[in-house]
Amino acid sequence: MGEKGTILATTDGGATWSKQSSASSAWLNGVAFSNATHGWAVGGDENTGAGVILATSNGGKTWNAQNSESTSRLNGVAFSDATHGWAVGSGGAIRATTNGGVTWTQEESGSGAKLTAVAFGDATHGWAVGEDEDTGAGVILATSNGGKTWSAQSAETTSLLSGVAFRDATHGWAVGEGGTIFATPDVGATEIKQRSGRSVWPNAVAFSRAAHGWAVGWDRDNKAGVILATSNGGGTWSAQSSVTTAALNAVAFSDAVHGWAVGSGGAILATRNGGD
């Protein structure tokens, strides 16, 4: 995902990447696939700033625009299955679909925050993170009824939160500015601040299973991409060699060993050994 509707795809584990036609000039900020063929990309129209949602039902061979019903730029998207999905964006925007994106409806977030990412542990439990644009403080919103209602959770941070991941309906992590990493073992009822061990800005986080996770971002002091890893559920985090000077913005793992991170300048990093 990237500027001017850029979508790249691989069918060989990242050995080669090819450009797919999105038929859009929008800046795309997030992507989610519910299975091998059904996927969605979200972003914003460069001219109007309105929310953009693109969908594919054939693994990205073709992409079609869906009506986002949003005048705000969309930054993140998550699907719990092929029909139920959510997209979040600026101004507290949350859009939901129960039919694979044929129609999207507004959900009341109760917040005017800039929402940067969203994750669902199952079809009913979800979280969105971002920033209060007036104070700069981190924001966490949660739902336990599939998005019918959202409520604020205590983020206990003055820093922007830019990424969130849940491995199931109860265990989750949120990351953000200043090396911030939060973990929750109980649906967000309590939050434990974890130490990244680095003064960096993690932009995204992913967990392949209960214990193994990765956070990626940017080391402002050393002007380099950063990858942090944990093998104990975030009890401790250690730096892995990112071999790039690009800021890393997103990360995904298909299992405990195969992962990919992407960033500025078209950077794509891959690992086949859990980041070792």
C-alpha atoms as a PDB file:
ATOM      1  CA  MET A   1       0.000   0.000   0.000  1.00  0.00           C
ATOM      2  CA  GLY A   2       1.226   3.522  -0.690  1.00  0.00           C
ATOM      3  CA  GLU A   3       0.804   6.799  -2.514  1.00  0.00           C
ATOM      4  CA  LYS A   4      -0.984   7.189  -5.845  1.00  0.00           C
ATOM      5  CA  GLY A   5      -2.901   3.951  -5.385  1.00  0.00           C
ATOM      6  CA  THR A   6       0.186   1.753  -5.186  1.00  0.00           C
ATOM      7  CA  ILE A   7      -0.508  -1.936  -4.486  1.00  0.00           C
ATOM      8  CA  LEU A   8       2.224  -4.585  -4.698  1.00  0.00           C
ATOM      9  CA  ALA A   9       1.653  -8.333  -4.489  1.00  0.00           C
ATOM     10  CA  THR A  10       3.737 -11.491  -4.196  1.00  0.00           C
ATOM     11  CA  THR A  11       2.926 -15.151  -4.873  1.00  0.00           C
ATOM     12  CA  ASP A  12       6.332 -16.571  -3.899  1.00  0.00           C
ATOM     13  CA  GLY A  13       6.795 -15.457  -0.299  1.00  0.00           C
ATOM     14  CA  GLY A  14       8.229 -12.090  -1.273  1.00  0.00           C
ATOM     15  CA  ALA A  15      11.022 -13.259  -3.574  1.00  0.00           C
ATOM     16  CA  THR A  16       9.395 -11.105  -6.249  1.00  0.00           C
ATOM     17  CA  TRP A  17       6.759  -8.368  -6.062  1.00  0.00           C
ATOM     18  CA  SER A  18       4.544  -7.111  -8.888  1.00  0.00           C
ATOM     19  CA  LYS A  19       2.379  -4.021  -9.153  1.00  0.00           C
ATOM     20  CA  GLN A  20      -1.375  -4.499  -9.193  1.00  0.00           C
ATOM     21  CA  SER A  21      -3.750  -2.011 -10.765  1.00  0.00           C
ATOM     22  CA  SER A  22      -5.836  -0.326  -8.078  1.00  0.00           C
ATOM     23  CA  ALA A  23      -7.565   1.993 -10.564  1.00  0.00           C
ATOM     24  CA  SER A  24      -7.120   4.691  -7.921  1.00  0.00           C
ATOM     25  CA  SER A  25      -4.784   7.635  -7.266  1.00  0.00           C
ATOM     26  CA  ALA A  26      -5.591   7.686  -3.541  1.00  0.00           C
ATOM     27  CA  TRP A  27      -2.962   7.475  -0.807  1.00  0.00           C
ATOM     28  CA  LEU A  28      -3.525   4.004   0.632  1.00  0.00           C
ATOM     29  CA  ASN A  29      -2.709   3.592   4.324  1.00  0.00           C
ATOM     30  CA  GLY A  30      -3.873   0.106   5.315  1.00  0.00           C
ATOM     31  CA  VAL A  31      -4.783  -3.316   3.953  1.00  0.00           C
ATOM     32  CA  ALA A  32      -6.474  -6.439   5.304  1.00  0.00           C
ATOM     33  CA  PHE A  33      -7.307  -9.853   3.838  1.00  0.00           C
ATOM     34  CA  SER A  34      -9.851 -12.226   5.373  1.00  0.00           C
ATOM     35  CA  ASN A  35      -8.642 -15.107   3.190  1.00  0.00           C
ATOM     36  CA  ALA A  36      -6.484 -15.693   0.109  1.00  0.00           C
ATOM     37  CA  THR A  37      -8.869 -13.927  -2.264  1.00  0.00           C
ATOM     38  CA  HIS A  38     -10.895 -11.301  -0.358  1.00  0.00           C
ATOM     39  CA  GLY A  39      -9.112  -8.103   0.645  1.00  0.00           C
ATOM     40  CA  TRP A  40      -9.630  -4.405   1.304  1.00  0.00           C
ATOM     41  CA  ALA A  41      -7.373  -1.336   1.165  1.00  0.00           C
ATOM     42  CA  VAL A  42      -8.215   2.014   2.747  1.00  0.00           C
ATOM     43  CA  GLY A  43      -6.893   5.545   2.435  1.00  0.00           C
ATOM     44  CA  GLY A  44      -7.776   9.052   1.403  1.00  0.00           C
ATOM     45  CA  ASP A  45      -8.504  10.936  -1.808  1.00  0.00           C
ATOM     46  CA  GLU A  46      -5.549  13.237  -2.468  1.00  0.00           C
ATOM     47  CA  ASN A  47      -7.780  16.062  -3.673  1.00  0.00           C
ATOM     48  CA  THR A  48     -10.758  15.956  -1.299  1.00  0.00           C
ATOM     49  CA  GLY A  49      -9.369  14.044   1.693  1.00  0.00           C
ATOM     50  CA  ALA A  50     -12.451  11.812   1.667  1.00  0.00           C
ATOM     51  CA  GLY A  51     -12.180   8.222   2.786  1.00  0.00           C
ATOM     52  CA  VAL A  52     -11.381   5.606   0.141  1.00  0.00           C
ATOM     53  CA  ILE A  53     -12.042   1.862   0.318  1.00  0.00           C
ATOM     54  CA  LEU A  54     -10.941  -0.542  -2.409  1.00  0.00           C
ATOM     55  CA  ALA A  55     -11.884  -4.228  -2.488  1.00  0.00           C
ATOM     56  CA  THR A  56     -10.778  -7.365  -4.311  1.00  0.00           C
ATOM     57  CA  SER A  57     -12.391 -10.794  -4.492  1.00  0.00           C
ATOM     58  CA  ASN A  58      -9.719 -12.430  -6.655  1.00  0.00           C
ATOM     59  CA  GLY A  59      -6.525 -11.987  -4.684  1.00  0.00           C
ATOM     60  CA  GLY A  60      -5.822  -8.510  -6.029  1.00  0.00           C
ATOM     61  CA  LYS A  61      -6.031  -9.188  -9.755  1.00  0.00           C
ATOM     62  CA  THR A  62      -8.662  -6.476  -9.842  1.00  0.00           C
ATOM     63  CA  TRP A  63      -9.654  -3.843  -7.267  1.00  0.00           C
ATOM     64  CA  ASN A  64     -12.941  -1.939  -7.145  1.00  0.00           C
ATOM     65  CA  ALA A  65     -13.940   1.172  -5.203  1.00  0.00           C
ATOM     66  CA  GLN A  66     -16.554   0.804  -2.477  1.00  0.00           C
ATOM     67  CA  ASN A  67     -18.587   3.645  -0.994  1.00  0.00           C
ATOM     68  CA  SER A  68     -16.872   4.465   2.310  1.00  0.00           C
ATOM     69  CA  GLU A  69     -19.588   6.901   3.422  1.00  0.00           C
ATOM     70  CA  SER A  70     -16.723   8.887   4.974  1.00  0.00           C
ATOM     71  CA  THR A  71     -15.532  12.438   4.394  1.00  0.00           C
ATOM     72  CA  SER A  72     -12.459  11.673   6.516  1.00  0.00           C
ATOM     73  CA  ARG A  73      -9.238   9.975   5.472  1.00  0.00           C
ATOM     74  CA  LEU A  74      -9.150   6.321   6.534  1.00  0.00           C
ATOM     75  CA  ASN A  75      -5.979   4.938   8.095  1.00  0.00           C
ATOM     76  CA  GLY A  76      -6.647   1.357   9.147  1.00  0.00           C
ATOM     77  CA  VAL A  77      -8.850  -1.620   8.321  1.00  0.00           C
ATOM     78  CA  ALA A  78      -9.576  -5.018   9.885  1.00  0.00           C
ATOM     79  CA  PHE A  79     -11.829  -7.943   8.981  1.00  0.00           C
ATOM     80  CA  SER A  80     -12.832 -10.768  11.320  1.00  0.00           C
ATOM     81  CA  ASP A  81     -14.127 -12.849   8.388  1.00  0.00           C
ATOM     82  CA  ALA A  82     -15.063 -12.368   4.728  1.00  0.00           C
ATOM     83  CA  THR A  83     -18.132 -10.256   5.547  1.00  0.00           C
ATOM     84  CA  HIS A  84     -17.525  -8.350   8.809  1.00  0.00           C
ATOM     85  CA  GLY A  85     -15.065  -5.474   8.666  1.00  0.00           C
ATOM     86  CA  TRP A  86     -14.182  -2.078  10.129  1.00  0.00           C
ATOM     87  CA  ALA A  87     -12.239   0.937   8.872  1.00  0.00           C
ATOM     88  CA  VAL A  88     -11.034   3.833  11.033  1.00  0.00           C
ATOM     89  CA  GLY A  89      -9.699   7.298  10.334  1.00  0.00           C
ATOM     90  CA  SER A  90      -9.480  10.972  11.178  1.00  0.00           C
ATOM     91  CA  GLY A  91     -12.105  12.744  13.257  1.00  0.00           C
ATOM     92  CA  GLY A  92     -12.998   9.554  15.116  1.00  0.00           C
ATOM     93  CA  ALA A  93     -14.325   7.996  11.907  1.00  0.00           C
ATOM     94  CA  ILE A  94     -15.359   4.348  12.175  1.00  0.00           C
ATOM     95  CA  ARG A  95     -17.092   2.590   9.300  1.00  0.00           C
ATOM     96  CA  ALA A  96     -18.408  -0.970   9.439  1.00  0.00           C
ATOM     97  CA  THR A  97     -19.685  -3.554   6.982  1.00  0.00           C
ATOM     98  CA  THR A  98     -21.564  -6.819   7.488  1.00  0.00           C
ATOM     99  CA  ASN A  99     -21.661  -7.791   3.813  1.00  0.00           C
ATOM    100  CA  GLY A 100     -18.056  -7.695   2.680  1.00  0.00           C
ATOM    101  CA  GLY A 101     -18.102  -3.997   1.912  1.00  0.00           C
ATOM    102  CA  VAL A 102     -21.114  -3.896  -0.388  1.00  0.00           C
ATOM    103  CA  THR A 103     -22.330  -1.249   2.041  1.00  0.00           C
ATOM    104  CA  TRP A 104     -20.480   0.603   4.826  1.00  0.00           C
ATOM    105  CA  THR A 105     -22.235   2.338   7.707  1.00  0.00           C
ATOM    106  CA  GLN A 106     -21.084   4.880  10.262  1.00  0.00           C
ATOM    107  CA  GLU A 107     -20.492   3.745  13.831  1.00  0.00           C
ATOM    108  CA  GLU A 108     -20.407   6.273  16.652  1.00  0.00           C
ATOM    109  CA  SER A 109     -16.932   6.294  18.185  1.00  0.00           C
ATOM    110  CA  GLY A 110     -17.778   8.974  20.744  1.00  0.00           C
ATOM    111  CA  SER A 111     -14.415  10.523  19.925  1.00  0.00           C
ATOM    112  CA  GLY A 112     -12.958  13.108  17.584  1.00  0.00           C
ATOM    113  CA  ALA A 113      -9.510  11.518  17.703  1.00  0.00           C
ATOM    114  CA  LYS A 114      -7.347  10.720  14.722  1.00  0.00           C
ATOM    115  CA  LEU A 115      -7.663   6.932  14.662  1.00  0.00           C
ATOM    116  CA  THR A 116      -4.638   5.247  13.106  1.00  0.00           C
ATOM    117  CA  ALA A 117      -5.233   1.494  13.429  1.00  0.00           C
ATOM    118  CA  VAL A 118      -7.877  -1.087  14.297  1.00  0.00           C
ATOM    119  CA  ALA A 119      -7.812  -4.763  15.301  1.00  0.00           C
ATOM    120  CA  PHE A 120     -10.419  -7.384  16.158  1.00  0.00           C
ATOM    121  CA  GLY A 121      -9.710 -10.446  18.290  1.00  0.00           C
ATOM    122  CA  ASP A 122     -12.960 -12.041  17.108  1.00  0.00           C
ATOM    123  CA  ALA A 123     -16.226 -10.909  15.517  1.00  0.00           C
ATOM    124  CA  THR A 124     -17.320  -8.911  18.562  1.00  0.00           C
ATOM    125  CA  HIS A 125     -14.204  -7.682  20.389  1.00  0.00           C
ATOM    126  CA  GLY A 126     -12.283  -4.850  18.722  1.00  0.00           C
ATOM    127  CA  TRP A 127      -9.956  -1.958  19.480  1.00  0.00           C
ATOM    128  CA  ALA A 128      -8.987   1.243  17.673  1.00  0.00           C
ATOM    129  CA  VAL A 129      -5.996   3.405  18.625  1.00  0.00           C
ATOM    130  CA  GLY A 130      -4.837   6.884  17.739  1.00  0.00           C
ATOM    131  CA  GLU A 131      -4.266  10.386  19.018  1.00  0.00           C
ATOM    132  CA  ASP A 132      -6.271  13.159  20.600  1.00  0.00           C
ATOM    133  CA  GLU A 133      -5.457  15.932  18.139  1.00  0.00           C
ATOM    134  CA  ASP A 134      -6.000  18.644  20.752  1.00  0.00           C
ATOM    135  CA  THR A 135      -3.677  17.238  23.424  1.00  0.00           C
ATOM    136  CA  GLY A 136      -1.528  14.744  21.499  1.00  0.00           C
ATOM    137  CA  ALA A 137      -2.373  12.045  24.047  1.00  0.00           C
ATOM    138  CA  GLY A 138      -2.831   8.426  23.060  1.00  0.00           C
ATOM    139  CA  VAL A 139      -6.373   7.131  22.562  1.00  0.00           C
ATOM    140  CA  ILE A 140      -7.729   3.580  22.828  1.00  0.00           C
ATOM    141  CA  LEU A 141     -11.352   2.781  21.959  1.00  0.00           C
ATOM    142  CA  ALA A 142     -12.928  -0.645  22.504  1.00  0.00           C
ATOM    143  CA  THR A 143     -16.074  -2.515  21.537  1.00  0.00           C
ATOM    144  CA  SER A 144     -17.456  -5.800  22.826  1.00  0.00           C
ATOM    145  CA  ASN A 145     -20.493  -5.949  20.562  1.00  0.00           C
ATOM    146  CA  GLY A 146     -19.056  -5.854  17.076  1.00  0.00           C
ATOM    147  CA  GLY A 147     -18.839  -2.083  16.949  1.00  0.00           C
ATOM    148  CA  LYS A 148     -22.415  -1.215  17.862  1.00  0.00           C
ATOM    149  CA  THR A 149     -20.949   0.854  20.682  1.00  0.00           C
ATOM    150  CA  TRP A 150     -17.394   2.022  21.392  1.00  0.00           C
ATOM    151  CA  SER A 151     -15.975   3.265  24.684  1.00  0.00           C
ATOM    152  CA  ALA A 152     -12.698   4.899  25.665  1.00  0.00           C
ATOM    153  CA  GLN A 153     -10.137   2.886  27.617  1.00  0.00           C
ATOM    154  CA  SER A 154      -7.360   4.390  29.716  1.00  0.00           C
ATOM    155  CA  ALA A 155      -4.262   4.690  27.534  1.00  0.00           C
ATOM    156  CA  GLU A 156      -2.138   6.262  30.275  1.00  0.00           C
ATOM    157  CA  THR A 157       0.176   7.874  27.745  1.00  0.00           C
ATOM    158  CA  THR A 158       0.734  11.362  26.391  1.00  0.00           C
ATOM    159  CA  SER A 159       2.056   9.880  23.131  1.00  0.00           C
ATOM    160  CA  LEU A 160       0.346   9.046  19.857  1.00  0.00           C
ATOM    161  CA  LEU A 161      -0.549   5.354  19.469  1.00  0.00           C
ATOM    162  CA  SER A 162      -0.053   4.157  15.903  1.00  0.00           C
ATOM    163  CA  GLY A 163      -0.461   0.380  15.931  1.00  0.00           C
ATOM    164  CA  VAL A 164      -2.557  -2.314  17.632  1.00  0.00           C
ATOM    165  CA  ALA A 165      -2.707  -6.116  17.496  1.00  0.00           C
ATOM    166  CA  PHE A 166      -4.779  -8.755  19.270  1.00  0.00           C
ATOM    167  CA  ARG A 167      -3.980 -12.461  19.098  1.00  0.00           C
ATOM    168  CA  ASP A 168      -7.379 -13.425  20.541  1.00  0.00           C
ATOM    169  CA  ALA A 169     -10.359 -11.759  22.224  1.00  0.00           C
ATOM    170  CA  THR A 170      -8.443 -10.821  25.380  1.00  0.00           C
ATOM    171  CA  HIS A 171      -4.685 -10.430  24.763  1.00  0.00           C
ATOM    172  CA  GLY A 172      -3.518  -7.324  22.901  1.00  0.00           C
ATOM    173  CA  TRP A 173      -0.729  -4.817  22.363  1.00  0.00           C
ATOM    174  CA  ALA A 174      -0.625  -1.157  21.305  1.00  0.00           C
ATOM    175  CA  VAL A 175       2.504   0.740  20.236  1.00  0.00           C
ATOM    176  CA  GLY A 176       3.402   4.343  19.581  1.00  0.00           C
ATOM    177  CA  GLU A 177       5.650   7.350  19.905  1.00  0.00           C
ATOM    178  CA  GLY A 178       8.614   7.360  22.278  1.00  0.00           C
ATOM    179  CA  GLY A 179       8.988   3.584  22.408  1.00  0.00           C
ATOM    180  CA  THR A 180       5.537   3.174  23.956  1.00  0.00           C
ATOM    181  CA  ILE A 181       4.287  -0.410  24.159  1.00  0.00           C
ATOM    182  CA  PHE A 182       1.136  -1.336  26.077  1.00  0.00           C
ATOM    183  CA  ALA A 183      -0.121  -4.843  26.720  1.00  0.00           C
ATOM    184  CA  THR A 184      -3.417  -6.103  28.077  1.00  0.00           C
ATOM    185  CA  PRO A 185      -4.241  -9.629  29.266  1.00  0.00           C
ATOM    186  CA  ASP A 186      -7.926  -8.957  29.872  1.00  0.00           C
ATOM    187  CA  VAL A 187      -9.654  -7.181  26.997  1.00  0.00           C
ATOM    188  CA  GLY A 188      -8.173  -3.840  28.025  1.00  0.00           C
ATOM    189  CA  ALA A 189      -9.561  -3.806  31.561  1.00  0.00           C
ATOM    190  CA  THR A 190      -5.962  -3.429  32.710  1.00  0.00           C
ATOM    191  CA  GLU A 191      -3.002  -2.187  30.712  1.00  0.00           C
ATOM    192  CA  ILE A 192       0.614  -2.992  31.398  1.00  0.00           C
ATOM    193  CA  LYS A 193       3.283  -0.666  30.080  1.00  0.00           C
ATOM    194  CA  GLN A 194       6.093  -2.707  28.570  1.00  0.00           C
ATOM    195  CA  ARG A 195       9.612  -1.456  27.983  1.00  0.00           C
ATOM    196  CA  SER A 196      10.845  -1.469  24.416  1.00  0.00           C
ATOM    197  CA  GLY A 197      14.390  -0.817  25.605  1.00  0.00           C
ATOM    198  CA  ARG A 198      14.806   1.744  22.851  1.00  0.00           C
ATOM    199  CA  SER A 199      13.961   5.407  22.403  1.00  0.00           C
ATOM    200  CA  VAL A 200      12.243   4.787  19.078  1.00  0.00           C
ATOM    201  CA  TRP A 201       8.876   5.274  17.461  1.00  0.00           C
ATOM    202  CA  PRO A 202       7.141   1.925  16.808  1.00  0.00           C
ATOM    203  CA  ASN A 203       4.546   2.372  14.069  1.00  0.00           C
ATOM    204  CA  ALA A 204       3.032  -1.107  13.938  1.00  0.00           C
ATOM    205  CA  VAL A 205       2.903  -4.389  15.838  1.00  0.00           C
ATOM    206  CA  ALA A 206       2.067  -7.997  14.951  1.00  0.00           C
ATOM    207  CA  PHE A 207       1.842 -11.230  16.917  1.00  0.00           C
ATOM    208  CA  SER A 208       1.947 -14.651  15.281  1.00  0.00           C
ATOM    209  CA  ARG A 209       0.968 -16.479  18.458  1.00  0.00           C
ATOM    210  CA  ALA A 210       0.738 -15.954  22.212  1.00  0.00           C
ATOM    211  CA  ALA A 211       4.402 -15.276  22.901  1.00  0.00           C
ATOM    212  CA  HIS A 212       6.014 -14.181  19.635  1.00  0.00           C
ATOM    213  CA  GLY A 213       5.583 -10.602  18.441  1.00  0.00           C
ATOM    214  CA  TRP A 214       7.323  -7.860  16.478  1.00  0.00           C
ATOM    215  CA  ALA A 215       7.091  -4.062  16.467  1.00  0.00           C
ATOM    216  CA  VAL A 216       8.532  -1.946  13.653  1.00  0.00           C
ATOM    217  CA  GLY A 217       9.255   1.757  13.359  1.00  0.00           C
ATOM    218  CA  TRP A 218      11.865   4.468  13.209  1.00  0.00           C
ATOM    219  CA  ASP A 219      14.943   5.354  15.243  1.00  0.00           C
ATOM    220  CA  ARG A 220      15.110   9.132  14.974  1.00  0.00           C
ATOM    221  CA  ASP A 221      18.554   9.434  16.582  1.00  0.00           C
ATOM    222  CA  ASN A 222      20.261   6.915  14.311  1.00  0.00           C
ATOM    223  CA  LYS A 223      18.064   7.562  11.260  1.00  0.00           C
ATOM    224  CA  ALA A 224      17.331   3.889  10.746  1.00  0.00           C
ATOM    225  CA  GLY A 225      14.479   1.441  10.594  1.00  0.00           C
ATOM    226  CA  VAL A 226      13.792  -0.479  13.790  1.00  0.00           C
ATOM    227  CA  ILE A 227      12.491  -3.995  14.418  1.00  0.00           C
ATOM    228  CA  LEU A 228      11.851  -5.107  17.995  1.00  0.00           C
ATOM    229  CA  ALA A 229      10.967  -8.689  18.887  1.00  0.00           C
ATOM    230  CA  THR A 230       9.609 -10.551  21.898  1.00  0.00           C
ATOM    231  CA  SER A 231       9.376 -14.261  22.579  1.00  0.00           C
ATOM    232  CA  ASN A 232       7.655 -13.943  25.962  1.00  0.00           C
ATOM    233  CA  GLY A 233       4.502 -12.005  25.178  1.00  0.00           C
ATOM    234  CA  GLY A 234       6.210  -8.639  25.502  1.00  0.00           C
ATOM    235  CA  GLY A 235       7.814  -9.250  28.880  1.00  0.00           C
ATOM    236  CA  THR A 236      11.035  -8.196  27.195  1.00  0.00           C
ATOM    237  CA  TRP A 237      11.743  -6.725  23.764  1.00  0.00           C
ATOM    238  CA  SER A 238      15.052  -6.882  21.885  1.00  0.00           C
ATOM    239  CA  ALA A 239      16.268  -5.197  18.712  1.00  0.00           C
ATOM    240  CA  GLN A 240      16.691  -7.195  15.528  1.00  0.00           C
ATOM    241  CA  SER A 241      18.827  -6.050  12.607  1.00  0.00           C
ATOM    242  CA  SER A 242      16.540  -4.212  10.195  1.00  0.00           C
ATOM    243  CA  VAL A 243      19.295  -3.671   7.578  1.00  0.00           C
ATOM    244  CA  THR A 244      17.545  -0.508   6.360  1.00  0.00           C
ATOM    245  CA  THR A 245      17.637   3.249   6.819  1.00  0.00           C
ATOM    246  CA  ALA A 246      13.953   3.425   5.856  1.00  0.00           C
ATOM    247  CA  ALA A 247      11.263   4.168   8.423  1.00  0.00           C
ATOM    248  CA  LEU A 248       9.177   1.004   8.786  1.00  0.00           C
ATOM    249  CA  ASN A 249       5.424   1.518   8.869  1.00  0.00           C
ATOM    250  CA  ALA A 250       3.772  -1.909   8.864  1.00  0.00           C
ATOM    251  CA  VAL A 251       4.503  -5.539   9.709  1.00  0.00           C
ATOM    252  CA  ALA A 252       2.743  -8.875   9.207  1.00  0.00           C
ATOM    253  CA  PHE A 253       3.576 -12.489  10.047  1.00  0.00           C
ATOM    254  CA  SER A 254       1.902 -15.566   8.560  1.00  0.00           C
ATOM    255  CA  ASP A 255       3.368 -17.815  11.263  1.00  0.00           C
ATOM    256  CA  ALA A 256       6.143 -17.721  13.884  1.00  0.00           C
ATOM    257  CA  VAL A 257       8.964 -17.600  11.317  1.00  0.00           C
ATOM    258  CA  HIS A 258       7.703 -15.965   8.090  1.00  0.00           C
ATOM    259  CA  GLY A 259       7.257 -12.200   8.222  1.00  0.00           C
ATOM    260  CA  TRP A 260       7.403  -8.997   6.194  1.00  0.00           C
ATOM    261  CA  ALA A 261       7.887  -5.326   7.048  1.00  0.00           C
ATOM    262  CA  VAL A 262       7.392  -2.359   4.731  1.00  0.00           C
ATOM    263  CA  GLY A 263       8.401   1.285   4.884  1.00  0.00           C
ATOM    264  CA  SER A 264       9.381   4.513   3.202  1.00  0.00           C
ATOM    265  CA  GLY A 265      11.016   4.543  -0.214  1.00  0.00           C
ATOM    266  CA  GLY A 266       9.350   1.275  -1.179  1.00  0.00           C
ATOM    267  CA  ALA A 267      11.319  -0.720   1.384  1.00  0.00           C
ATOM    268  CA  ILE A 268      10.242  -4.352   1.829  1.00  0.00           C
ATOM    269  CA  LEU A 269      12.008  -6.607   4.326  1.00  0.00           C
ATOM    270  CA  ALA A 270      11.395 -10.335   4.747  1.00  0.00           C
ATOM    271  CA  THR A 271      12.415 -13.001   7.238  1.00  0.00           C
ATOM    272  CA  ARG A 272      12.073 -16.777   7.140  1.00  0.00           C
ATOM    273  CA  ASN A 273      13.459 -17.391  10.627  1.00  0.00           C
ATOM    274  CA  GLY A 274      11.389 -15.227  12.925  1.00  0.00           C
ATOM    275  CA  GLY A 275      13.578 -12.183  12.413  1.00  0.00           C
ATOM    276  CA  ASP A 276      16.831 -13.804  13.534  1.00  0.00           C
END
